[in-house]
Each structure stands twice: as C-alpha cells, then as structure tokens.
Amino acid sequence: MAETILDVKDMKCPLPVLRANRALRGMAPGERLRVLATDRAAVADFQAFCRETGHALVAQAEDAGVFSFTIRRRAEPPE
C-alpha cells in the first residue's frame, strides 16, 4: 500500500498536526500518512491527536532530529 508523505519540518506546534489533519481528511480509510517533523512537541501532539481522533499511530521514530510518524486513517463512523 502506498504511503503519502507530509513534510512539516521547521513548522512549530500546532501546524504539523493541523496539516496532518487536513491531509488525512482527503484520504480513504486505511490509507497511511507519514509525517516528517522537527518540532519536539510533535511527539506528544501526534500521540494525543491520534488518541482523540481514532486514527492509528502505527509507528514513530527519530533520526538526526527529524521525527517520523506513520498514521493510518480511521474507518469512517457508521452513518
């Protein structure tokens, strides 16, 4: 499955989460978004964002000051 990459490096809180939320709204359920960020606050922000929205934070890592978050878009709630 292809993964969409969102580069929000050098953006400060809350922009990384806001941009990710916008990107996820345009994706199909189950699709993955990988977010690249440099703001240290993004670690707690993305954990809280996924917990509150129902999206799955399937992976997170850090390499040389760049944080990577892989988020799987939640299924739509039944209508």
PDB file of N, CA and C in Angstrom:
ATOM      1  N   MET A   1       0.845  -1.177   0.000  1.00  0.00           N
ATOM      2  CA  MET A   1       0.000   0.000   0.000  1.00  0.00           C
ATOM      3  C   MET A   1       0.890   1.240   0.000  1.00  0.00           C
ATOM      4  N   ALA A   2       0.571   2.183  -0.836  1.00  0.00           N
ATOM      5  CA  ALA A   2       1.353   3.413  -0.927  1.00  0.00           C
ATOM      6  C   ALA A   2       1.138   4.264   0.317  1.00  0.00           C
ATOM      7  N   GLU A   3       2.131   5.066   0.589  1.00  0.00           N
ATOM      8  CA  GLU A   3       2.108   5.923   1.767  1.00  0.00           C
ATOM      9  C   GLU A   3       2.275   7.363   1.289  1.00  0.00           C
ATOM     10  N   THR A   4       1.453   8.245   1.791  1.00  0.00           N
ATOM     11  CA  THR A   4       1.584   9.663   1.481  1.00  0.00           C
ATOM     12  C   THR A   4       2.548  10.271   2.484  1.00  0.00           C
ATOM     13  N   ILE A   5       3.456  11.111   2.009  1.00  0.00           N
ATOM     14  CA  ILE A   5       4.426  11.751   2.900  1.00  0.00           C
ATOM     15  C   ILE A   5       4.093  13.230   3.010  1.00  0.00           C
ATOM     16  N   LEU A   6       4.054  13.706   4.250  1.00  0.00           N
ATOM     17  CA  LEU A   6       3.789  15.108   4.545  1.00  0.00           C
ATOM     18  C   LEU A   6       5.008  15.671   5.265  1.00  0.00           C
ATOM     19  N   ASP A   7       5.684  16.619   4.641  1.00  0.00           N
ATOM     20  CA  ASP A   7       6.886  17.222   5.210  1.00  0.00           C
ATOM     21  C   ASP A   7       6.499  18.528   5.910  1.00  0.00           C
ATOM     22  N   VAL A   8       6.535  18.509   7.236  1.00  0.00           N
ATOM     23  CA  VAL A   8       6.223  19.708   8.022  1.00  0.00           C
ATOM     24  C   VAL A   8       7.430  20.107   8.882  1.00  0.00           C
ATOM     25  N   LYS A   9       8.620  19.776   8.381  1.00  0.00           N
ATOM     26  CA  LYS A   9       9.837  20.150   9.103  1.00  0.00           C
ATOM     27  C   LYS A   9       9.911  21.672   9.211  1.00  0.00           C
ATOM     28  N   ASP A  10      10.446  22.139  10.319  1.00  0.00           N
ATOM     29  CA  ASP A  10      10.613  23.559  10.621  1.00  0.00           C
ATOM     30  C   ASP A  10       9.306  24.274  10.941  1.00  0.00           C
ATOM     31  N   MET A  11       8.190  23.557  11.005  1.00  0.00           N
ATOM     32  CA  MET A  11       6.927  24.154  11.444  1.00  0.00           C
ATOM     33  C   MET A  11       6.765  23.880  12.933  1.00  0.00           C
ATOM     34  N   LYS A  12       6.214  24.847  13.637  1.00  0.00           N
ATOM     35  CA  LYS A  12       6.013  24.734  15.086  1.00  0.00           C
ATOM     36  C   LYS A  12       4.562  24.396  15.386  1.00  0.00           C
ATOM     37  N   CYS A  13       4.363  23.826  16.565  1.00  0.00           N
ATOM     38  CA  CYS A  13       3.052  23.482  17.078  1.00  0.00           C
ATOM     39  C   CYS A  13       2.135  24.696  16.965  1.00  0.00           C
ATOM     40  N   PRO A  14       0.924  24.557  16.507  1.00  0.00           N
ATOM     41  CA  PRO A  14       0.171  23.347  16.181  1.00  0.00           C
ATOM     42  C   PRO A  14       0.162  23.007  14.696  1.00  0.00           C
ATOM     43  N   LEU A  15       0.962  23.697  13.878  1.00  0.00           N
ATOM     44  CA  LEU A  15       0.890  23.498  12.431  1.00  0.00           C
ATOM     45  C   LEU A  15       1.092  22.056  11.960  1.00  0.00           C
ATOM     46  N   PRO A  16       2.060  21.286  12.491  1.00  0.00           N
ATOM     47  CA  PRO A  16       2.198  19.909  11.999  1.00  0.00           C
ATOM     48  C   PRO A  16       0.916  19.081  12.142  1.00  0.00           C
ATOM     49  N   VAL A  17       0.257  19.188  13.282  1.00  0.00           N
ATOM     50  CA  VAL A  17      -0.978  18.414  13.495  1.00  0.00           C
ATOM     51  C   VAL A  17      -2.103  18.948  12.605  1.00  0.00           C
ATOM     52  N   LEU A  18      -2.201  20.261  12.462  1.00  0.00           N
ATOM     53  CA  LEU A  18      -3.250  20.825  11.613  1.00  0.00           C
ATOM     54  C   LEU A  18      -3.084  20.403  10.160  1.00  0.00           C
ATOM     55  N   ARG A  19      -1.843  20.420   9.675  1.00  0.00           N
ATOM     56  CA  ARG A  19      -1.588  19.993   8.288  1.00  0.00           C
ATOM     57  C   ARG A  19      -1.868  18.497   8.113  1.00  0.00           C
ATOM     58  N   ALA A  20      -1.493  17.698   9.112  1.00  0.00           N
ATOM     59  CA  ALA A  20      -1.759  16.256   9.040  1.00  0.00           C
ATOM     60  C   ALA A  20      -3.259  15.995   9.040  1.00  0.00           C
ATOM     61  N   ASN A  21      -3.994  16.705   9.873  1.00  0.00           N
ATOM     62  CA  ASN A  21      -5.440  16.531   9.931  1.00  0.00           C
ATOM     63  C   ASN A  21      -6.067  16.842   8.577  1.00  0.00           C
ATOM     64  N   ARG A  22      -5.631  17.917   7.955  1.00  0.00           N
ATOM     65  CA  ARG A  22      -6.149  18.287   6.631  1.00  0.00           C
ATOM     66  C   ARG A  22      -5.834  17.196   5.606  1.00  0.00           C
ATOM     67  N   ALA A  23      -4.616  16.676   5.637  1.00  0.00           N
ATOM     68  CA  ALA A  23      -4.223  15.621   4.691  1.00  0.00           C
ATOM     69  C   ALA A  23      -5.047  14.354   4.919  1.00  0.00           C
ATOM     70  N   LEU A  24      -5.244  13.981   6.172  1.00  0.00           N
ATOM     71  CA  LEU A  24      -5.995  12.756   6.484  1.00  0.00           C
ATOM     72  C   LEU A  24      -7.451  12.859   6.033  1.00  0.00           C
ATOM     73  N   ARG A  25      -8.035  14.046   6.113  1.00  0.00           N
ATOM     74  CA  ARG A  25      -9.425  14.221   5.676  1.00  0.00           C
ATOM     75  C   ARG A  25      -9.597  13.909   4.200  1.00  0.00           C
ATOM     76  N   GLY A  26      -8.545  14.085   3.409  1.00  0.00           N
ATOM     77  CA  GLY A  26      -8.611  13.810   1.979  1.00  0.00           C
ATOM     78  C   GLY A  26      -8.218  12.397   1.602  1.00  0.00           C
ATOM     79  N   MET A  27      -7.978  11.551   2.581  1.00  0.00           N
ATOM     80  CA  MET A  27      -7.526  10.182   2.310  1.00  0.00           C
ATOM     81  C   MET A  27      -8.642   9.181   2.583  1.00  0.00           C
ATOM     82  N   ALA A  28      -8.525   8.014   1.981  1.00  0.00           N
ATOM     83  CA  ALA A  28      -9.502   6.942   2.195  1.00  0.00           C
ATOM     84  C   ALA A  28      -9.189   6.206   3.498  1.00  0.00           C
ATOM     85  N   PRO A  29     -10.213   5.634   4.136  1.00  0.00           N
ATOM     86  CA  PRO A  29      -9.972   4.848   5.352  1.00  0.00           C
ATOM     87  C   PRO A  29      -8.912   3.768   5.110  1.00  0.00           C
ATOM     88  N   GLY A  30      -8.004   3.630   6.069  1.00  0.00           N
ATOM     89  CA  GLY A  30      -6.957   2.616   5.975  1.00  0.00           C
ATOM     90  C   GLY A  30      -5.683   3.097   5.303  1.00  0.00           C
ATOM     91  N   GLU A  31      -5.743   4.215   4.579  1.00  0.00           N
ATOM     92  CA  GLU A  31      -4.535   4.737   3.943  1.00  0.00           C
ATOM     93  C   GLU A  31      -3.587   5.274   5.008  1.00  0.00           C
ATOM     94  N   ARG A  32      -2.306   5.320   4.654  1.00  0.00           N
ATOM     95  CA  ARG A  32      -1.282   5.751   5.615  1.00  0.00           C
ATOM     96  C   ARG A  32      -0.678   7.081   5.219  1.00  0.00           C
ATOM     97  N   LEU A  33      -0.418   7.875   6.248  1.00  0.00           N
ATOM     98  CA  LEU A  33       0.240   9.162   6.091  1.00  0.00           C
ATOM     99  C   LEU A  33       1.500   9.139   6.936  1.00  0.00           C
ATOM    100  N   ARG A  34       2.636   9.479   6.324  1.00  0.00           N
ATOM    101  CA  ARG A  34       3.873   9.594   7.093  1.00  0.00           C
ATOM    102  C   ARG A  34       4.212  11.065   7.200  1.00  0.00           C
ATOM    103  N   VAL A  35       4.335  11.529   8.430  1.00  0.00           N
ATOM    104  CA  VAL A  35       4.604  12.931   8.718  1.00  0.00           C
ATOM    105  C   VAL A  35       6.056  13.063   9.173  1.00  0.00           C
ATOM    106  N   LEU A  36       6.773  14.014   8.586  1.00  0.00           N
ATOM    107  CA  LEU A  36       8.151  14.310   8.964  1.00  0.00           C
ATOM    108  C   LEU A  36       8.169  15.676   9.632  1.00  0.00           C
ATOM    109  N   ALA A  37       8.596  15.732  10.890  1.00  0.00           N
ATOM    110  CA  ALA A  37       8.566  16.968  11.661  1.00  0.00           C
ATOM    111  C   ALA A  37       9.867  17.138  12.442  1.00  0.00           C
ATOM    112  N   THR A  38      10.178  18.382  12.774  1.00  0.00           N
ATOM    113  CA  THR A  38      11.370  18.655  13.584  1.00  0.00           C
ATOM    114  C   THR A  38      11.013  19.242  14.945  1.00  0.00           C
ATOM    115  N   ASP A  39       9.777  19.629  15.156  1.00  0.00           N
ATOM    116  CA  ASP A  39       9.347  20.199  16.437  1.00  0.00           C
ATOM    117  C   ASP A  39       9.212  19.072  17.461  1.00  0.00           C
ATOM    118  N   ARG A  40       9.990  19.179  18.565  1.00  0.00           N
ATOM    119  CA  ARG A  40       9.956  18.142  19.602  1.00  0.00           C
ATOM    120  C   ARG A  40       8.564  17.937  20.190  1.00  0.00           C
ATOM    121  N   ALA A  41       7.775  18.986  20.227  1.00  0.00           N
ATOM    122  CA  ALA A  41       6.411  18.894  20.768  1.00  0.00           C
ATOM    123  C   ALA A  41       5.527  17.989  19.919  1.00  0.00           C
ATOM    124  N   ALA A  42       5.931  17.722  18.686  1.00  0.00           N
ATOM    125  CA  ALA A  42       5.125  16.883  17.794  1.00  0.00           C
ATOM    126  C   ALA A  42       4.946  15.469  18.353  1.00  0.00           C
ATOM    127  N   VAL A  43       5.895  14.984  19.135  1.00  0.00           N
ATOM    128  CA  VAL A  43       5.776  13.628  19.692  1.00  0.00           C
ATOM    129  C   VAL A  43       4.514  13.521  20.532  1.00  0.00           C
ATOM    130  N   ALA A  44       4.365  14.391  21.509  1.00  0.00           N
ATOM    131  CA  ALA A  44       3.161  14.371  22.357  1.00  0.00           C
ATOM    132  C   ALA A  44       1.928  14.788  21.568  1.00  0.00           C
ATOM    133  N   ASP A  45       2.097  15.751  20.663  1.00  0.00           N
ATOM    134  CA  ASP A  45       0.953  16.242  19.886  1.00  0.00           C
ATOM    135  C   ASP A  45       0.331  15.146  19.034  1.00  0.00           C
ATOM    136  N   PHE A  46       1.155  14.357  18.340  1.00  0.00           N
ATOM    137  CA  PHE A  46       0.599  13.318  17.467  1.00  0.00           C
ATOM    138  C   PHE A  46       0.025  12.153  18.272  1.00  0.00           C
ATOM    139  N   GLN A  47       0.614  11.852  19.420  1.00  0.00           N
ATOM    140  CA  GLN A  47       0.029  10.807  20.273  1.00  0.00           C
ATOM    141  C   GLN A  47      -1.360  11.236  20.725  1.00  0.00           C
ATOM    142  N   ALA A  48      -1.510  12.464  21.180  1.00  0.00           N
ATOM    143  CA  ALA A  48      -2.811  12.972  21.630  1.00  0.00           C
ATOM    144  C   ALA A  48      -3.783  13.078  20.462  1.00  0.00           C
ATOM    145  N   PHE A  49      -3.317  13.568  19.321  1.00  0.00           N
ATOM    146  CA  PHE A  49      -4.168  13.705  18.136  1.00  0.00           C
ATOM    147  C   PHE A  49      -4.768  12.360  17.739  1.00  0.00           C
ATOM    148  N   CYS A  50      -3.945  11.325  17.678  1.00  0.00           N
ATOM    149  CA  CYS A  50      -4.438  10.006  17.271  1.00  0.00           C
ATOM    150  C   CYS A  50      -5.386   9.427  18.318  1.00  0.00           C
ATOM    151  N   ARG A  51      -5.071   9.605  19.569  1.00  0.00           N
ATOM    152  CA  ARG A  51      -5.934   9.113  20.651  1.00  0.00           C
ATOM    153  C   ARG A  51      -7.311   9.783  20.574  1.00  0.00           C
ATOM    154  N   GLU A  52      -7.336  11.077  20.292  1.00  0.00           N
ATOM    155  CA  GLU A  52      -8.586  11.828  20.283  1.00  0.00           C
ATOM    156  C   GLU A  52      -9.402  11.655  19.009  1.00  0.00           C
ATOM    157  N   THR A  53      -8.749  11.364  17.889  1.00  0.00           N
ATOM    158  CA  THR A  53      -9.466  11.286  16.609  1.00  0.00           C
ATOM    159  C   THR A  53      -9.777   9.867  16.159  1.00  0.00           C
ATOM    160  N   GLY A  54      -9.111   8.880  16.758  1.00  0.00           N
ATOM    161  CA  GLY A  54      -9.346   7.500  16.350  1.00  0.00           C
ATOM    162  C   GLY A  54      -8.446   7.004  15.236  1.00  0.00           C
ATOM    163  N   HIS A  55      -7.569   7.880  14.720  1.00  0.00           N
ATOM    164  CA  HIS A  55      -6.579   7.425  13.740  1.00  0.00           C
ATOM    165  C   HIS A  55      -5.541   6.599  14.502  1.00  0.00           C
ATOM    166  N   ALA A  56      -4.879   5.673  13.815  1.00  0.00           N
ATOM    167  CA  ALA A  56      -3.898   4.805  14.471  1.00  0.00           C
ATOM    168  C   ALA A  56      -2.485   5.321  14.226  1.00  0.00           C
ATOM    169  N   LEU A  57      -1.752   5.568  15.307  1.00  0.00           N
ATOM    170  CA  LEU A  57      -0.337   5.913  15.210  1.00  0.00           C
ATOM    171  C   LEU A  57       0.409   4.584  15.166  1.00  0.00           C
ATOM    172  N   VAL A  58       0.745   4.127  13.955  1.00  0.00           N
ATOM    173  CA  VAL A  58       1.305   2.784  13.802  1.00  0.00           C
ATOM    174  C   VAL A  58       2.819   2.737  13.959  1.00  0.00           C
ATOM    175  N   ALA A  59       3.488   3.891  13.833  1.00  0.00           N
ATOM    176  CA  ALA A  59       4.938   3.912  14.028  1.00  0.00           C
ATOM    177  C   ALA A  59       5.393   5.337  14.282  1.00  0.00           C
ATOM    178  N   GLN A  60       6.443   5.441  15.077  1.00  0.00           N
ATOM    179  CA  GLN A  60       7.098   6.737  15.250  1.00  0.00           C
ATOM    180  C   GLN A  60       8.571   6.485  15.492  1.00  0.00           C
ATOM    181  N   ALA A  61       9.387   7.384  14.972  1.00  0.00           N
ATOM    182  CA  ALA A  61      10.832   7.226  15.095  1.00  0.00           C
ATOM    183  C   ALA A  61      11.475   8.602  15.025  1.00  0.00           C
ATOM    184  N   GLU A  62      12.754   8.643  15.373  1.00  0.00           N
ATOM    185  CA  GLU A  62      13.521   9.880  15.253  1.00  0.00           C
ATOM    186  C   GLU A  62      14.875   9.549  14.661  1.00  0.00           C
ATOM    187  N   ASP A  63      15.316  10.371  13.719  1.00  0.00           N
ATOM    188  CA  ASP A  63      16.624  10.195  13.109  1.00  0.00           C
ATOM    189  C   ASP A  63      17.227  11.576  12.871  1.00  0.00           C
ATOM    190  N   ALA A  64      18.301  11.875  13.569  1.00  0.00           N
ATOM    191  CA  ALA A  64      19.029  13.134  13.405  1.00  0.00           C
ATOM    192  C   ALA A  64      18.121  14.349  13.570  1.00  0.00           C
ATOM    193  N   GLY A  65      17.245  14.295  14.562  1.00  0.00           N
ATOM    194  CA  GLY A  65      16.381  15.441  14.850  1.00  0.00           C
ATOM    195  C   GLY A  65      15.119  15.528  14.023  1.00  0.00           C
ATOM    196  N   VAL A  66      14.904  14.555  13.140  1.00  0.00           N
ATOM    197  CA  VAL A  66      13.668  14.520  12.341  1.00  0.00           C
ATOM    198  C   VAL A  66      12.787  13.403  12.880  1.00  0.00           C
ATOM    199  N   PHE A  67      11.599  13.777  13.295  1.00  0.00           N
ATOM    200  CA  PHE A  67      10.637  12.814  13.820  1.00  0.00           C
ATOM    201  C   PHE A  67       9.747  12.333  12.685  1.00  0.00           C
ATOM    202  N   SER A  68       9.493  11.040  12.671  1.00  0.00           N
ATOM    203  CA  SER A  68       8.645  10.435  11.649  1.00  0.00           C
ATOM    204  C   SER A  68       7.471   9.758  12.345  1.00  0.00           C
ATOM    205  N   PHE A  69       6.262  10.069  11.890  1.00  0.00           N
ATOM    206  CA  PHE A  69       5.042   9.486  12.441  1.00  0.00           C
ATOM    207  C   PHE A  69       4.258   8.851  11.301  1.00  0.00           C
ATOM    208  N   THR A  70       3.922   7.572  11.437  1.00  0.00           N
ATOM    209  CA  THR A  70       3.089   6.913  10.443  1.00  0.00           C
ATOM    210  C   THR A  70       1.701   6.738  11.041  1.00  0.00           C
ATOM    211  N   ILE A  71       0.727   7.321  10.367  1.00  0.00           N
ATOM    212  CA  ILE A  71      -0.650   7.332  10.860  1.00  0.00           C
ATOM    213  C   ILE A  71      -1.542   6.635   9.848  1.00  0.00           C
ATOM    214  N   ARG A  72      -2.359   5.690  10.334  1.00  0.00           N
ATOM    215  CA  ARG A  72      -3.337   5.010   9.478  1.00  0.00           C
ATOM    216  C   ARG A  72      -4.690   5.675   9.694  1.00  0.00           C
ATOM    217  N   ARG A  73      -5.304   6.112   8.598  1.00  0.00           N
ATOM    218  CA  ARG A  73      -6.582   6.816   8.697  1.00  0.00           C
ATOM    219  C   ARG A  73      -7.658   5.855   9.218  1.00  0.00           C
ATOM    220  N   ARG A  74      -8.452   6.361  10.137  1.00  0.00           N
ATOM    221  CA  ARG A  74      -9.512   5.535  10.741  1.00  0.00           C
ATOM    222  C   ARG A  74     -10.613   5.267   9.707  1.00  0.00           C
ATOM    223  N   ALA A  75     -11.384   4.219   9.987  1.00  0.00           N
ATOM    224  CA  ALA A  75     -12.567   3.943   9.180  1.00  0.00           C
ATOM    225  C   ALA A  75     -13.606   5.002   9.520  1.00  0.00           C
ATOM    226  N   GLU A  76     -14.408   5.351   8.569  1.00  0.00           N
ATOM    227  CA  GLU A  76     -15.465   6.329   8.835  1.00  0.00           C
ATOM    228  C   GLU A  76     -16.479   5.739   9.798  1.00  0.00           C
ATOM    229  N   PRO A  77     -17.004   6.556  10.710  1.00  0.00           N
ATOM    230  CA  PRO A  77     -18.039   6.043  11.611  1.00  0.00           C
ATOM    231  C   PRO A  77     -19.305   5.729  10.822  1.00  0.00           C
ATOM    232  N   PRO A  78     -20.078   4.737  11.261  1.00  0.00           N
ATOM    233  CA  PRO A  78     -21.303   4.401  10.541  1.00  0.00           C
ATOM    234  C   PRO A  78     -22.275   5.576  10.549  1.00  0.00           C
ATOM    235  N   GLU A  79     -22.985   5.742   9.456  1.00  0.00           N
ATOM    236  CA  GLU A  79     -23.935   6.855   9.364  1.00  0.00           C
ATOM    237  C   GLU A  79     -25.291   6.456   9.863  1.00  0.00           C
TER     238      GLU A  79
END
